Amino acid sequence: MPSPPLCIDTGLRRCFGKQELHQRVLQMFLDEQKSVCTSIDAALAEESVQAAISLAHALVSRAGLIGAEALSRTASELEEALRNDRRSEWPALLQALTQQHASVLAEIPRHL
């Protein structure tokens, strides 16, 4: 059985056990990261690899903070592939990232 897209216990722990803070962080993720995959894709289409790296890097920590561990790992893998110019890996990683991201976005409202 696959792990859930969002581990509430992990996110809550990273918010020092403060439920209100955790909910604010989840809402911020929902508001600020909803189009990050589209933005990464657009940056790559414009050959702005550095912008895509920055977006992926930010997603690593933001996803980790809310307890979206798989999303954070995939964002990290994409960031590494971008930094090392492993272009053949980009499409599959971006596709996986987009799917995981959609699952996380769908899960967050259940916890607000």
Protein backbone atom coordinates (compact mmCIF):
# COMPACT_ATOMS: atom_id res chain seq x y z
CA MET A 1 0.00 0.00 0.00
CA PRO A 2 1.50 3.37 -0.99
CA SER A 3 2.17 5.92 1.73
CA PRO A 4 -0.21 8.87 2.03
CA PRO A 5 0.82 12.03 0.17
CA LEU A 6 0.87 13.99 3.41
CA CYS A 7 2.02 12.89 6.88
CA ILE A 8 0.17 15.16 9.27
CA ASP A 9 2.16 13.92 12.28
CA THR A 10 5.44 14.89 10.61
CA GLY A 11 4.14 18.30 9.57
CA LEU A 12 2.74 18.96 13.02
CA ARG A 13 6.03 17.93 14.63
CA ARG A 14 7.89 20.33 12.33
CA CYS A 15 5.51 23.06 13.52
CA PHE A 16 6.48 22.35 17.15
CA GLY A 17 3.19 20.57 17.78
CA LYS A 18 1.23 23.79 17.29
CA GLN A 19 -1.98 22.93 15.44
CA GLU A 20 -2.78 26.53 14.49
CA LEU A 21 0.71 27.07 13.06
CA HIS A 22 0.48 23.80 11.16
CA GLN A 23 -2.82 24.80 9.60
CA ARG A 24 -1.38 28.19 8.58
CA VAL A 25 1.61 26.47 6.99
CA LEU A 26 -0.69 24.09 5.11
CA GLN A 27 -2.80 27.01 3.87
CA MET A 28 0.34 28.89 2.78
CA PHE A 29 1.51 25.84 0.84
CA LEU A 30 -1.89 25.58 -0.81
CA ASP A 31 -1.89 29.28 -1.72
CA GLU A 32 1.75 29.72 -2.71
CA GLN A 33 2.69 26.36 -4.25
CA LYS A 34 -0.44 25.51 -6.23
CA SER A 35 1.17 26.26 -9.60
CA VAL A 36 4.80 25.40 -8.88
CA CYS A 37 4.90 22.44 -11.30
CA THR A 38 3.47 24.58 -14.10
CA SER A 39 6.07 27.24 -13.26
CA ILE A 40 8.91 24.71 -13.40
CA ASP A 41 7.65 23.39 -16.73
CA ALA A 42 7.37 26.95 -18.11
CA ALA A 43 10.88 27.79 -16.91
CA LEU A 44 12.27 24.73 -18.69
CA ALA A 45 10.33 25.56 -21.86
CA GLU A 46 12.00 29.00 -21.77
CA GLU A 47 15.44 27.40 -21.19
CA SER A 48 15.58 29.06 -17.77
CA VAL A 49 17.11 26.13 -15.96
CA GLN A 50 18.29 28.27 -13.04
CA ALA A 51 14.71 29.41 -12.39
CA ALA A 52 13.54 25.79 -12.48
CA ILE A 53 16.29 24.85 -10.02
CA SER A 54 15.22 27.63 -7.65
CA LEU A 55 11.57 26.56 -7.80
CA ALA A 56 12.44 22.89 -7.22
CA HIS A 57 14.77 23.81 -4.35
CA ALA A 58 12.07 25.87 -2.62
CA LEU A 59 9.59 23.03 -3.07
CA VAL A 60 11.97 20.58 -1.37
CA SER A 61 11.86 22.49 1.91
CA ARG A 62 8.24 23.61 1.73
CA ALA A 63 6.98 20.10 1.00
CA GLY A 64 9.20 18.71 3.74
CA LEU A 65 7.83 21.24 6.24
CA ILE A 66 4.24 20.11 5.71
CA GLY A 67 5.12 16.40 5.81
CA ALA A 68 4.87 15.72 2.07
CA GLU A 69 7.98 13.54 2.15
CA ALA A 70 7.63 11.84 -1.25
CA LEU A 71 7.00 15.19 -2.94
CA SER A 72 10.04 16.67 -1.21
CA ARG A 73 12.22 13.73 -2.33
CA THR A 74 11.06 13.96 -5.93
CA ALA A 75 11.61 17.73 -5.96
CA SER A 76 15.13 17.08 -4.64
CA GLU A 77 15.76 14.48 -7.37
CA LEU A 78 14.55 16.93 -10.01
CA GLU A 79 16.71 19.70 -8.57
CA GLU A 80 19.75 17.41 -8.72
CA ALA A 81 18.96 16.34 -12.30
CA LEU A 82 18.59 20.00 -13.29
CA ARG A 83 21.85 21.03 -11.60
CA ASN A 84 23.72 18.19 -13.28
CA ASP A 85 22.13 18.76 -16.70
CA ARG A 86 20.68 15.25 -16.85
CA ARG A 87 18.07 16.34 -19.39
CA SER A 88 16.89 12.82 -20.21
CA GLU A 89 15.58 12.51 -16.62
CA TRP A 90 13.68 15.80 -16.54
CA PRO A 91 10.40 14.74 -18.19
CA ALA A 92 9.84 11.67 -16.00
CA LEU A 93 10.79 13.52 -12.82
CA LEU A 94 8.56 16.46 -13.68
CA GLN A 95 5.68 14.08 -14.42
CA ALA A 96 6.16 12.28 -11.10
CA LEU A 97 6.45 15.61 -9.30
CA THR A 98 3.25 16.88 -10.90
CA GLN A 99 1.32 13.76 -9.89
CA GLN A 100 2.59 13.82 -6.32
CA HIS A 101 1.97 17.56 -6.07
CA ALA A 102 -1.64 17.12 -7.21
CA SER A 103 -2.16 14.44 -4.56
CA VAL A 104 -0.78 16.70 -1.85
CA LEU A 105 -2.93 19.64 -2.98
CA ALA A 106 -6.00 17.40 -2.91
CA GLU A 107 -5.16 16.14 0.59
CA ILE A 108 -4.47 19.49 2.30
CA PRO A 109 -8.10 20.73 2.49
CA ARG A 110 -9.00 17.64 4.53
CA HIS A 111 -6.72 18.96 7.29
CA LEU A 112 -7.70 22.61 7.37
